[in-house]
N, C-alpha and C. Protein backbone atom coordinates (compact mmCIF):
# COMPACT_ATOMS: atom_id res chain seq x y z
N MET A 1 -152.73 -120.71 97.64
CA MET A 1 -152.88 -121.18 95.99
C MET A 1 -151.04 -121.65 96.16
N GLU A 2 -150.68 -122.22 95.28
CA GLU A 2 -149.36 -122.73 95.00
C GLU A 2 -148.46 -121.72 94.50
N ILE A 3 -147.17 -121.55 95.00
CA ILE A 3 -146.32 -120.47 94.68
C ILE A 3 -145.40 -121.32 93.36
N LYS A 4 -145.38 -120.80 92.37
CA LYS A 4 -144.52 -121.65 91.11
C LYS A 4 -143.33 -120.76 90.97
N THR A 5 -142.40 -121.38 90.88
CA THR A 5 -140.94 -121.04 90.83
C THR A 5 -140.73 -120.61 89.12
N ILE A 6 -140.31 -119.40 89.17
CA ILE A 6 -140.09 -119.05 87.52
C ILE A 6 -138.36 -118.61 87.42
N LYS A 7 -137.85 -118.75 86.28
CA LYS A 7 -136.32 -118.84 86.25
C LYS A 7 -135.84 -117.90 84.99
N ASP A 8 -136.77 -117.83 84.07
CA ASP A 8 -136.23 -117.11 82.82
C ASP A 8 -137.29 -116.15 82.44
N ILE A 9 -136.79 -115.29 81.22
CA ILE A 9 -137.53 -114.07 80.92
C ILE A 9 -138.64 -114.78 80.06
N LYS A 10 -138.45 -115.94 79.16
CA LYS A 10 -139.27 -116.33 78.18
C LYS A 10 -140.27 -117.07 78.94
N GLU A 11 -140.08 -117.66 79.83
CA GLU A 11 -141.08 -118.20 81.02
C GLU A 11 -142.09 -117.13 81.66
N PHE A 12 -141.46 -115.88 82.18
CA PHE A 12 -142.28 -114.80 82.69
C PHE A 12 -143.20 -114.23 81.53
N LYS A 13 -142.68 -114.06 80.32
CA LYS A 13 -143.48 -113.33 79.12
C LYS A 13 -144.70 -114.32 78.62
N GLU A 14 -144.64 -115.57 78.94
CA GLU A 14 -145.50 -116.68 78.75
C GLU A 14 -146.75 -116.33 79.82
N LEU A 15 -146.15 -116.20 81.14
CA LEU A 15 -147.39 -116.01 82.36
C LEU A 15 -147.94 -114.61 82.13
N GLU A 16 -147.10 -113.63 81.73
CA GLU A 16 -147.82 -112.33 81.86
C GLU A 16 -148.78 -112.40 80.48
N TYR A 17 -148.68 -112.95 79.39
CA TYR A 17 -149.35 -112.95 78.56
C TYR A 17 -150.81 -113.93 78.95
N THR A 18 -150.56 -114.84 79.58
CA THR A 18 -151.94 -115.77 80.05
C THR A 18 -152.52 -115.20 81.32
N HIS A 19 -151.98 -114.11 82.30
CA HIS A 19 -152.63 -113.79 83.40
C HIS A 19 -152.86 -112.42 83.24
N ASP A 20 -154.02 -111.99 83.26
CA ASP A 20 -154.22 -110.25 83.60
C ASP A 20 -153.63 -109.84 84.91
N SER A 21 -153.51 -110.85 85.85
CA SER A 21 -153.09 -110.16 87.06
C SER A 21 -152.18 -111.19 87.80
N LEU A 22 -150.85 -110.87 88.25
CA LEU A 22 -150.01 -111.87 88.92
C LEU A 22 -149.29 -111.12 89.96
N VAL A 23 -148.63 -111.98 90.88
CA VAL A 23 -147.64 -111.40 91.69
C VAL A 23 -146.42 -112.33 91.70
N VAL A 24 -145.40 -111.37 91.74
CA VAL A 24 -143.85 -111.92 91.64
C VAL A 24 -143.36 -111.58 92.76
N PHE A 25 -142.53 -112.66 93.41
CA PHE A 25 -141.53 -112.45 95.00
C PHE A 25 -140.30 -112.73 94.61
N LYS A 26 -139.37 -111.78 94.46
CA LYS A 26 -138.12 -112.01 94.37
C LYS A 26 -137.26 -112.37 95.54
N HIS A 27 -136.86 -113.38 95.91
CA HIS A 27 -136.14 -114.04 97.00
C HIS A 27 -134.60 -114.35 96.88
N SER A 28 -133.76 -113.52 97.80
CA SER A 28 -132.47 -113.86 98.19
C SER A 28 -132.44 -115.13 98.87
N LEU A 29 -131.62 -116.10 98.37
CA LEU A 29 -131.32 -117.45 99.38
C LEU A 29 -130.38 -117.14 100.30
N THR A 30 -129.70 -115.82 100.60
CA THR A 30 -128.70 -115.87 101.26
C THR A 30 -129.12 -114.95 102.40
N CYS A 31 -130.37 -114.05 102.41
CA CYS A 31 -130.58 -112.94 103.24
C CYS A 31 -131.72 -113.49 103.97
N PRO A 32 -131.39 -113.09 105.58
CA PRO A 32 -132.31 -113.44 106.55
C PRO A 32 -133.65 -112.63 106.37
N ILE A 33 -133.43 -111.23 106.00
CA ILE A 33 -134.67 -110.42 105.81
C ILE A 33 -135.45 -111.05 104.65
N SER A 34 -135.01 -111.60 103.50
CA SER A 34 -135.54 -112.36 102.68
C SER A 34 -136.38 -113.46 103.12
N ALA A 35 -135.90 -114.29 103.80
CA ALA A 35 -136.27 -115.42 104.67
C ALA A 35 -137.53 -115.24 105.46
N ALA A 36 -137.45 -114.11 105.98
CA ALA A 36 -138.74 -113.91 106.72
C ALA A 36 -139.72 -113.28 105.90
N ALA A 37 -139.43 -112.63 104.50
CA ALA A 37 -140.43 -112.05 103.84
C ALA A 37 -140.92 -113.44 103.28
N ASN A 38 -140.24 -114.19 102.86
CA ASN A 38 -140.53 -115.43 101.94
C ASN A 38 -141.63 -116.24 103.21
N THR A 39 -141.53 -116.11 104.23
CA THR A 39 -142.44 -116.77 105.23
C THR A 39 -143.63 -116.11 105.02
N GLU A 40 -143.83 -114.72 105.17
CA GLU A 40 -145.26 -113.96 105.10
C GLU A 40 -145.76 -114.22 103.50
N PHE A 41 -145.11 -114.30 102.64
CA PHE A 41 -145.48 -114.63 101.17
C PHE A 41 -146.02 -115.87 101.25
N GLU A 42 -145.43 -116.83 101.74
CA GLU A 42 -146.17 -118.34 101.77
C GLU A 42 -147.41 -118.38 102.91
N ASN A 43 -147.40 -117.48 103.70
CA ASN A 43 -148.48 -117.60 104.72
C ASN A 43 -149.83 -116.71 103.67
N PHE A 44 -149.45 -116.11 103.08
CA PHE A 44 -150.32 -115.19 102.37
C PHE A 44 -150.88 -116.21 101.33
N SER A 45 -149.97 -117.02 100.77
CA SER A 45 -150.24 -117.71 99.49
C SER A 45 -151.49 -118.79 99.77
N LYS A 46 -151.42 -119.26 101.02
CA LYS A 46 -152.32 -120.32 101.84
C LYS A 46 -153.76 -119.67 101.67
N LYS A 47 -153.93 -118.42 101.43
CA LYS A 47 -155.33 -117.79 101.76
C LYS A 47 -155.87 -117.08 100.60
N VAL A 48 -155.16 -117.30 99.64
CA VAL A 48 -155.69 -116.39 98.17
C VAL A 48 -155.75 -117.21 96.86
N ASP A 49 -156.50 -116.88 96.26
CA ASP A 49 -156.81 -117.75 94.84
C ASP A 49 -155.87 -116.95 93.54
N LEU A 50 -154.60 -116.51 93.48
CA LEU A 50 -154.07 -115.71 92.64
C LEU A 50 -152.81 -116.15 92.10
N PRO A 51 -152.51 -116.12 91.01
CA PRO A 51 -151.32 -116.76 90.48
C PRO A 51 -149.96 -115.84 91.02
N LEU A 52 -149.32 -116.88 91.68
CA LEU A 52 -148.34 -116.37 92.52
C LEU A 52 -146.75 -116.87 91.96
N PHE A 53 -146.02 -116.12 92.14
CA PHE A 53 -144.75 -116.68 91.47
C PHE A 53 -143.38 -116.32 92.22
N ARG A 54 -142.28 -116.91 92.42
CA ARG A 54 -141.27 -116.60 93.07
C ARG A 54 -139.99 -117.07 92.29
N LEU A 55 -139.18 -115.99 92.15
CA LEU A 55 -137.91 -116.28 91.67
C LEU A 55 -136.61 -116.15 92.56
N TYR A 56 -135.78 -117.02 92.46
CA TYR A 56 -134.58 -116.89 93.30
C TYR A 56 -133.54 -116.05 92.63
N VAL A 57 -133.19 -114.86 93.11
CA VAL A 57 -132.35 -113.81 92.37
C VAL A 57 -130.96 -114.43 92.06
N GLN A 58 -130.45 -115.35 93.06
CA GLN A 58 -129.09 -115.90 92.65
C GLN A 58 -129.20 -116.67 91.45
N GLU A 59 -130.28 -117.47 91.13
CA GLU A 59 -130.59 -118.49 90.02
C GLU A 59 -131.33 -117.86 88.86
N ALA A 60 -131.81 -116.46 88.95
CA ALA A 60 -132.58 -115.89 87.76
C ALA A 60 -132.08 -114.40 87.49
N ARG A 61 -131.00 -114.02 87.66
CA ARG A 61 -130.57 -112.64 87.59
C ARG A 61 -131.04 -111.92 86.38
N ASP A 62 -131.02 -112.68 85.32
CA ASP A 62 -131.47 -112.08 83.84
C ASP A 62 -132.91 -111.67 84.20
N LEU A 63 -133.94 -112.66 84.55
CA LEU A 63 -134.94 -112.23 84.97
C LEU A 63 -135.25 -111.30 85.83
N SER A 64 -134.53 -111.23 87.03
CA SER A 64 -134.65 -109.97 87.83
C SER A 64 -134.38 -108.70 87.30
N SER A 65 -133.26 -108.68 86.66
CA SER A 65 -132.79 -107.47 85.94
C SER A 65 -133.93 -107.06 84.66
N TYR A 66 -134.31 -108.04 84.03
CA TYR A 66 -135.60 -107.65 83.03
C TYR A 66 -136.75 -106.95 83.84
N LEU A 67 -137.26 -107.74 85.01
CA LEU A 67 -138.36 -107.03 85.64
C LEU A 67 -138.07 -105.74 86.14
N GLU A 68 -136.92 -105.24 86.46
CA GLU A 68 -136.36 -104.07 86.88
C GLU A 68 -136.37 -103.00 85.79
N GLU A 69 -135.94 -103.30 84.38
CA GLU A 69 -136.00 -102.61 83.34
C GLU A 69 -137.37 -102.37 82.81
N LYS A 70 -137.82 -103.57 82.67
CA LYS A 70 -139.56 -103.35 81.87
C LYS A 70 -140.25 -102.51 82.84
N TYR A 71 -140.30 -102.74 84.10
CA TYR A 71 -141.27 -101.93 84.94
C TYR A 71 -140.74 -100.83 85.67
N ASN A 72 -139.35 -100.43 85.52
CA ASN A 72 -139.18 -99.27 86.01
C ASN A 72 -139.24 -99.29 87.51
N VAL A 73 -139.07 -100.40 88.17
CA VAL A 73 -138.80 -100.57 89.41
C VAL A 73 -137.47 -100.95 90.12
N ARG A 74 -136.91 -100.23 90.85
CA ARG A 74 -135.54 -100.46 91.12
C ARG A 74 -135.40 -101.90 92.01
N HIS A 75 -134.45 -102.68 91.40
CA HIS A 75 -134.31 -104.14 92.07
C HIS A 75 -134.09 -103.85 93.64
N GLU A 76 -134.63 -104.67 94.26
CA GLU A 76 -134.39 -104.81 95.74
C GLU A 76 -134.79 -106.46 96.01
N SER A 77 -134.10 -106.88 96.92
CA SER A 77 -134.55 -108.41 97.38
C SER A 77 -134.56 -108.41 99.01
N PRO A 78 -135.55 -108.98 99.42
CA PRO A 78 -136.72 -109.33 98.92
C PRO A 78 -137.46 -108.36 98.08
N GLN A 79 -138.27 -108.56 97.22
CA GLN A 79 -139.11 -107.67 96.83
C GLN A 79 -140.42 -108.35 96.30
N ALA A 80 -141.68 -107.69 96.36
CA ALA A 80 -142.74 -108.31 96.08
C ALA A 80 -143.42 -107.39 94.95
N LEU A 81 -143.97 -107.79 93.84
CA LEU A 81 -144.38 -106.95 92.60
C LEU A 81 -145.92 -107.43 92.27
N LYS A 82 -146.98 -106.66 92.26
CA LYS A 82 -148.29 -106.98 91.61
C LYS A 82 -148.13 -106.54 90.24
N ILE A 83 -148.49 -107.05 89.46
CA ILE A 83 -148.36 -106.82 87.99
C ILE A 83 -149.83 -106.96 87.65
N GLU A 84 -150.32 -105.95 87.03
CA GLU A 84 -151.87 -105.86 86.21
C GLU A 84 -151.69 -105.42 85.10
N GLU A 85 -152.37 -106.18 83.93
CA GLU A 85 -152.34 -105.61 82.52
C GLU A 85 -150.85 -104.95 81.89
N GLY A 86 -149.82 -105.63 82.54
CA GLY A 86 -148.80 -105.07 81.79
C GLY A 86 -147.90 -103.94 82.96
N ALA A 87 -148.47 -103.83 84.00
CA ALA A 87 -147.94 -102.63 84.80
C ALA A 87 -147.82 -102.89 86.25
N VAL A 88 -146.89 -102.59 86.81
CA VAL A 88 -146.74 -102.83 88.33
C VAL A 88 -147.75 -101.66 88.72
N VAL A 89 -148.55 -102.34 89.73
CA VAL A 89 -149.42 -101.47 90.42
C VAL A 89 -149.25 -101.44 91.87
N TRP A 90 -148.25 -102.31 92.35
CA TRP A 90 -148.09 -102.18 93.85
C TRP A 90 -146.54 -102.95 93.79
N HIS A 91 -145.69 -102.47 94.76
CA HIS A 91 -144.51 -103.10 95.00
C HIS A 91 -144.11 -102.76 96.39
N ALA A 92 -143.52 -103.64 97.12
CA ALA A 92 -142.88 -103.58 98.46
C ALA A 92 -141.33 -104.28 98.57
N SER A 93 -140.71 -103.86 99.62
CA SER A 93 -139.39 -104.65 99.76
C SER A 93 -139.17 -104.69 101.38
N HIS A 94 -138.12 -105.61 101.48
CA HIS A 94 -137.89 -105.72 103.03
C HIS A 94 -138.90 -105.96 103.86
N GLY A 95 -138.95 -105.56 104.73
CA GLY A 95 -139.64 -105.64 105.93
C GLY A 95 -141.11 -105.15 105.66
N ALA A 96 -141.41 -104.38 104.55
CA ALA A 96 -142.70 -104.17 104.02
C ALA A 96 -143.45 -105.22 103.67
N ILE A 97 -142.73 -106.18 103.32
CA ILE A 97 -143.49 -107.37 103.00
C ILE A 97 -144.04 -108.29 104.03
N THR A 98 -145.24 -108.34 104.04
CA THR A 98 -145.89 -108.95 105.25
C THR A 98 -147.36 -109.53 104.77
N GLU A 99 -147.81 -110.52 105.46
CA GLU A 99 -149.08 -111.19 105.13
C GLU A 99 -150.10 -109.97 104.93
N ASP A 100 -150.10 -108.99 106.22
CA ASP A 100 -150.85 -108.01 106.11
C ASP A 100 -151.02 -107.12 104.95
N SER A 101 -149.65 -106.64 104.58
CA SER A 101 -149.55 -105.76 103.44
C SER A 101 -149.89 -106.55 102.19
N LEU A 102 -149.40 -107.61 102.01
CA LEU A 102 -149.90 -108.47 100.97
C LEU A 102 -151.36 -108.53 100.83
N ASN A 103 -152.17 -108.71 101.87
CA ASN A 103 -153.78 -108.85 101.94
C ASN A 103 -154.33 -107.56 101.56
N GLU A 104 -153.84 -106.62 102.01
CA GLU A 104 -154.38 -105.18 101.72
C GLU A 104 -154.03 -104.68 100.23
N ASN A 105 -152.94 -104.89 99.56
CA ASN A 105 -152.44 -104.68 98.38
C ASN A 105 -152.70 -105.31 97.09
N VAL A 106 -152.68 -106.75 97.54
CA VAL A 106 -152.87 -107.55 96.58
C VAL A 106 -154.14 -108.16 96.36
């Protein structure tokens, strides 16, 4: 499924309202670990039919901070969050974001 880029809190709130379940990937444009995790996320996206979203932390700091505060999950990048019915039910960061871990938990 296509990964859509999100940039602001309003957009995220609309997505959360329209989807019971979604996955958000926080990606740092300057980090090689994040680049590797992004590749894993992209590979995962080709095999699933789930709403998938990516935010670039350098371009969406307010949204990244909002997610940290709202869900009480300390910010890291890279970071993957699975959100169901308004709660984070799974999250991973750095090297723990692999295609296999996404398949198993998302």
